[in-house]
Amino acid sequence: MKQLDKSLLEKLVVLLREGDTAAFNELYYRYKGKVHQFAYRFVRCSESAAELTQLVFVRLWKYKHTIDESRDFDAFLLTITKNLVFKEFQRKAKADAYQNEQLKTEQVYDPIASFMDLKDYRNLAERAISSLPPQSKKVFKLSREEGATYEHISNQLNISKNTVHSHMAKSLSHIRQYFKIHTPETVLVLCTLASAL
């Protein structure tokens, strides 16, 4: 890279501040190698260094109006480069942390899913529904299996809508409890506790 004398560099920076693309191109061709080399020292990847070099010059063009021609232009460019490298490291760290979190989430062992398949869940649900009191079982089946509205159920069974709502709430609570008690994980814990006694 041929070193620019100070007066020529100041002229190019003044022209750049005024939006002169020829001055920008001249600065780009004279400094792109230096910026790339500086970025490469941090990222150790030629492609990443090339991307960062492009970003440095995009940023230079975007903020051309803030450049002070009396200040050290090399230091200005290298500061932009350092800041972009730092942001790239932060972005990569966040992406890596997110990816690691996703891997942890995917590797979580689900004992219920491993012991039970859909048929087992259906059988368990049928047993839970069968264990409901007769009126609650009627209300639940009309609502969930036949798709009846609370109003339709109240008319058909000659009970109030609030009673239908109450039956549904109790039925769903009972079914949840039934599942908690009768899943293989819970049964395994109960068997372990019983054998310890």
Protein backbone atom coordinates (compact mmCIF):
# COMPACT_ATOMS: atom_id res chain seq x y z
CA MET A 1 0.00 0.00 0.00
CA LYS A 2 1.43 3.32 -1.02
CA GLN A 3 1.42 5.78 1.87
CA LEU A 4 -0.48 9.00 1.19
CA ASP A 5 1.17 12.24 2.14
CA LYS A 6 -0.69 14.15 4.82
CA SER A 7 -1.95 16.99 2.59
CA LEU A 8 -3.34 14.61 -0.06
CA LEU A 9 -5.02 12.52 2.64
CA GLU A 10 -6.62 15.64 4.15
CA LYS A 11 -7.90 16.67 0.70
CA LEU A 12 -9.39 13.21 0.11
CA VAL A 13 -11.07 13.27 3.53
CA VAL A 14 -12.54 16.74 2.86
CA LEU A 15 -13.85 15.54 -0.51
CA LEU A 16 -15.23 12.40 1.14
CA ARG A 17 -17.08 14.54 3.69
CA GLU A 18 -18.68 16.37 0.78
CA GLY A 19 -19.87 13.05 -0.68
CA ASP A 20 -17.29 12.66 -3.44
CA THR A 21 -17.39 8.99 -4.56
CA ALA A 22 -14.03 9.24 -6.36
CA ALA A 23 -12.38 10.28 -3.08
CA PHE A 24 -14.14 7.41 -1.31
CA ASN A 25 -12.94 4.94 -3.95
CA GLU A 26 -9.37 6.21 -3.66
CA LEU A 27 -9.43 5.83 0.12
CA TYR A 28 -11.01 2.40 -0.22
CA TYR A 29 -8.33 1.10 -2.59
CA ARG A 30 -5.53 2.54 -0.48
CA TYR A 31 -6.83 1.32 2.90
CA LYS A 32 -8.79 -1.90 2.25
CA GLY A 33 -5.67 -4.10 2.62
CA LYS A 34 -4.67 -2.49 5.89
CA VAL A 35 -8.20 -2.79 7.32
CA HIS A 36 -8.48 -6.42 6.15
CA GLN A 37 -5.13 -7.29 7.72
CA PHE A 38 -6.11 -5.61 10.99
CA ALA A 39 -9.48 -7.40 11.11
CA TYR A 40 -7.85 -10.73 10.25
CA ARG A 41 -5.58 -10.47 13.30
CA PHE A 42 -8.72 -10.67 15.45
CA VAL A 43 -11.04 -13.03 13.56
CA ARG A 44 -8.48 -15.38 11.96
CA CYS A 45 -10.80 -16.01 9.01
CA SER A 46 -10.26 -14.40 5.63
CA GLU A 47 -13.97 -14.39 4.73
CA SER A 48 -14.95 -12.75 8.02
CA ALA A 49 -12.15 -10.22 7.68
CA ALA A 50 -13.35 -9.40 4.13
CA GLU A 51 -16.93 -8.92 5.41
CA LEU A 52 -15.70 -6.69 8.22
CA THR A 53 -13.61 -4.68 5.74
CA GLN A 54 -16.71 -4.06 3.65
CA LEU A 55 -18.66 -3.05 6.76
CA VAL A 56 -15.90 -0.63 7.79
CA PHE A 57 -16.15 1.19 4.47
CA VAL A 58 -19.95 1.13 4.52
CA ARG A 59 -19.76 2.73 7.96
CA LEU A 60 -17.15 5.22 6.70
CA TRP A 61 -19.50 6.30 3.90
CA LYS A 62 -22.51 6.43 6.22
CA TYR A 63 -20.75 8.68 8.75
CA LYS A 64 -18.57 10.63 6.29
CA HIS A 65 -19.99 13.93 7.58
CA THR A 66 -18.50 13.33 11.05
CA ILE A 67 -14.90 12.82 9.91
CA ASP A 68 -12.41 15.42 11.06
CA GLU A 69 -9.63 15.78 8.46
CA SER A 70 -7.20 17.08 11.07
CA ARG A 71 -7.35 13.80 13.04
CA ASP A 72 -5.43 10.63 12.27
CA PHE A 73 -7.40 8.88 9.50
CA ASP A 74 -5.61 5.53 10.04
CA ALA A 75 -6.59 5.53 13.71
CA PHE A 76 -10.16 6.47 12.77
CA LEU A 77 -10.48 3.50 10.37
CA LEU A 78 -8.86 1.08 12.80
CA THR A 79 -11.20 2.22 15.58
CA ILE A 80 -14.19 1.52 13.35
CA THR A 81 -12.69 -1.90 12.57
CA LYS A 82 -12.10 -2.68 16.25
CA ASN A 83 -15.65 -1.72 17.14
CA LEU A 84 -17.10 -3.88 14.37
CA VAL A 85 -14.89 -6.83 15.38
CA PHE A 86 -16.14 -6.43 18.96
CA LYS A 87 -19.78 -6.38 17.77
CA GLU A 88 -19.11 -9.46 15.64
CA PHE A 89 -17.68 -11.28 18.67
CA GLN A 90 -20.75 -10.30 20.71
CA ARG A 91 -23.11 -11.47 17.96
CA LYS A 92 -21.25 -14.77 17.62
CA ALA A 93 -21.25 -15.30 21.39
CA LYS A 94 -25.01 -14.74 21.52
CA ALA A 95 -25.56 -17.09 18.57
CA ASP A 96 -23.38 -19.76 20.18
CA ALA A 97 -25.18 -19.40 23.51
CA TYR A 98 -28.55 -19.67 21.78
CA GLN A 99 -27.43 -22.74 19.83
CA ASN A 100 -26.09 -24.39 23.00
CA GLU A 101 -29.38 -23.69 24.77
CA GLN A 102 -31.28 -25.23 21.86
CA LEU A 103 -29.11 -28.35 22.04
CA LYS A 104 -29.74 -28.64 25.79
CA THR A 105 -33.48 -28.29 25.22
CA GLU A 106 -33.47 -30.97 22.53
CA GLN A 107 -31.53 -33.38 24.73
CA VAL A 108 -33.89 -33.15 27.70
CA TYR A 109 -35.03 -36.65 28.59
CA ASP A 110 -38.79 -37.04 28.64
CA PRO A 111 -39.58 -40.28 30.50
CA ILE A 112 -43.32 -40.07 29.84
CA ALA A 113 -42.84 -39.73 26.09
CA SER A 114 -40.35 -42.58 26.08
CA PHE A 115 -42.67 -44.96 27.96
CA MET A 116 -45.99 -44.01 26.49
CA ASP A 117 -47.23 -43.81 22.97
CA LEU A 118 -50.46 -42.33 21.66
CA LYS A 119 -52.43 -45.53 22.24
CA ASP A 120 -51.35 -45.55 25.89
CA TYR A 121 -52.45 -41.93 26.28
CA ARG A 122 -55.85 -42.69 24.76
CA ASN A 123 -56.34 -45.68 27.05
CA LEU A 124 -55.33 -43.61 30.05
CA ALA A 125 -57.74 -40.83 29.01
CA GLU A 126 -60.59 -43.33 28.58
CA ARG A 127 -59.95 -44.75 32.05
CA ALA A 128 -59.81 -41.24 33.51
CA ILE A 129 -63.16 -40.33 31.87
CA SER A 130 -64.71 -43.62 33.00
CA SER A 131 -63.75 -42.83 36.59
CA LEU A 132 -65.76 -39.56 36.53
CA PRO A 133 -69.10 -39.36 38.40
CA PRO A 134 -72.04 -40.21 36.03
CA GLN A 135 -73.36 -36.65 35.52
CA SER A 136 -69.86 -35.19 35.04
CA LYS A 137 -69.08 -37.98 32.56
CA LYS A 138 -72.21 -37.11 30.52
CA VAL A 139 -71.36 -33.40 30.49
CA PHE A 140 -67.72 -34.07 29.55
CA LYS A 141 -68.59 -36.47 26.71
CA LEU A 142 -71.22 -34.11 25.29
CA SER A 143 -68.76 -31.21 25.35
CA ARG A 144 -65.54 -32.90 24.23
CA GLU A 145 -66.63 -35.85 22.15
CA GLU A 146 -69.77 -34.44 20.52
CA GLY A 147 -68.71 -30.78 20.49
CA ALA A 148 -71.88 -29.52 22.17
CA THR A 149 -71.99 -26.00 23.59
CA TYR A 150 -72.63 -25.38 27.28
CA GLU A 151 -76.06 -23.98 26.38
CA HIS A 152 -76.96 -27.10 24.38
CA ILE A 153 -75.77 -29.36 27.22
CA SER A 154 -77.75 -27.38 29.82
CA ASN A 155 -80.93 -27.71 27.71
CA GLN A 156 -80.39 -31.42 27.00
CA LEU A 157 -79.63 -32.39 30.61
CA ASN A 158 -82.01 -29.83 32.12
CA ILE A 159 -79.29 -28.13 34.23
CA SER A 160 -77.97 -24.56 34.32
CA LYS A 161 -75.00 -23.35 32.25
CA ASN A 162 -73.14 -22.66 35.49
CA THR A 163 -73.64 -26.28 36.52
CA VAL A 164 -72.30 -27.41 33.13
CA HIS A 165 -69.28 -25.15 33.63
CA SER A 166 -68.76 -26.53 37.14
CA HIS A 167 -68.93 -30.14 35.90
CA MET A 168 -66.40 -29.38 33.15
CA ALA A 169 -63.97 -27.69 35.55
CA LYS A 170 -64.17 -30.62 38.00
CA SER A 171 -63.86 -33.17 35.17
CA LEU A 172 -60.75 -31.54 33.71
CA SER A 173 -59.17 -31.25 37.14
CA HIS A 174 -59.94 -34.93 37.85
CA ILE A 175 -58.48 -36.02 34.49
CA ARG A 176 -55.28 -34.01 35.09
CA GLN A 177 -54.90 -35.60 38.52
CA TYR A 178 -55.60 -39.04 37.08
CA PHE A 179 -52.83 -38.55 34.51
CA LYS A 180 -50.40 -37.38 37.19
CA ILE A 181 -51.07 -40.46 39.29
CA HIS A 182 -51.15 -43.04 36.50
CA THR A 183 -48.29 -42.07 34.18
CA PRO A 184 -45.35 -44.52 34.11
CA GLU A 185 -43.05 -41.98 35.76
CA THR A 186 -45.35 -41.66 38.77
CA VAL A 187 -45.93 -45.40 38.97
CA LEU A 188 -42.15 -45.95 38.89
CA VAL A 189 -41.68 -43.50 41.79
CA LEU A 190 -44.48 -45.19 43.78
CA CYS A 191 -42.98 -48.64 43.17
CA THR A 192 -39.57 -47.41 44.27
CA LEU A 193 -41.07 -45.91 47.43
CA ALA A 194 -43.04 -49.10 48.17
CA SER A 195 -39.95 -51.30 47.75
CA ALA A 196 -37.97 -49.01 50.07
CA LEU A 197 -40.51 -49.62 52.87
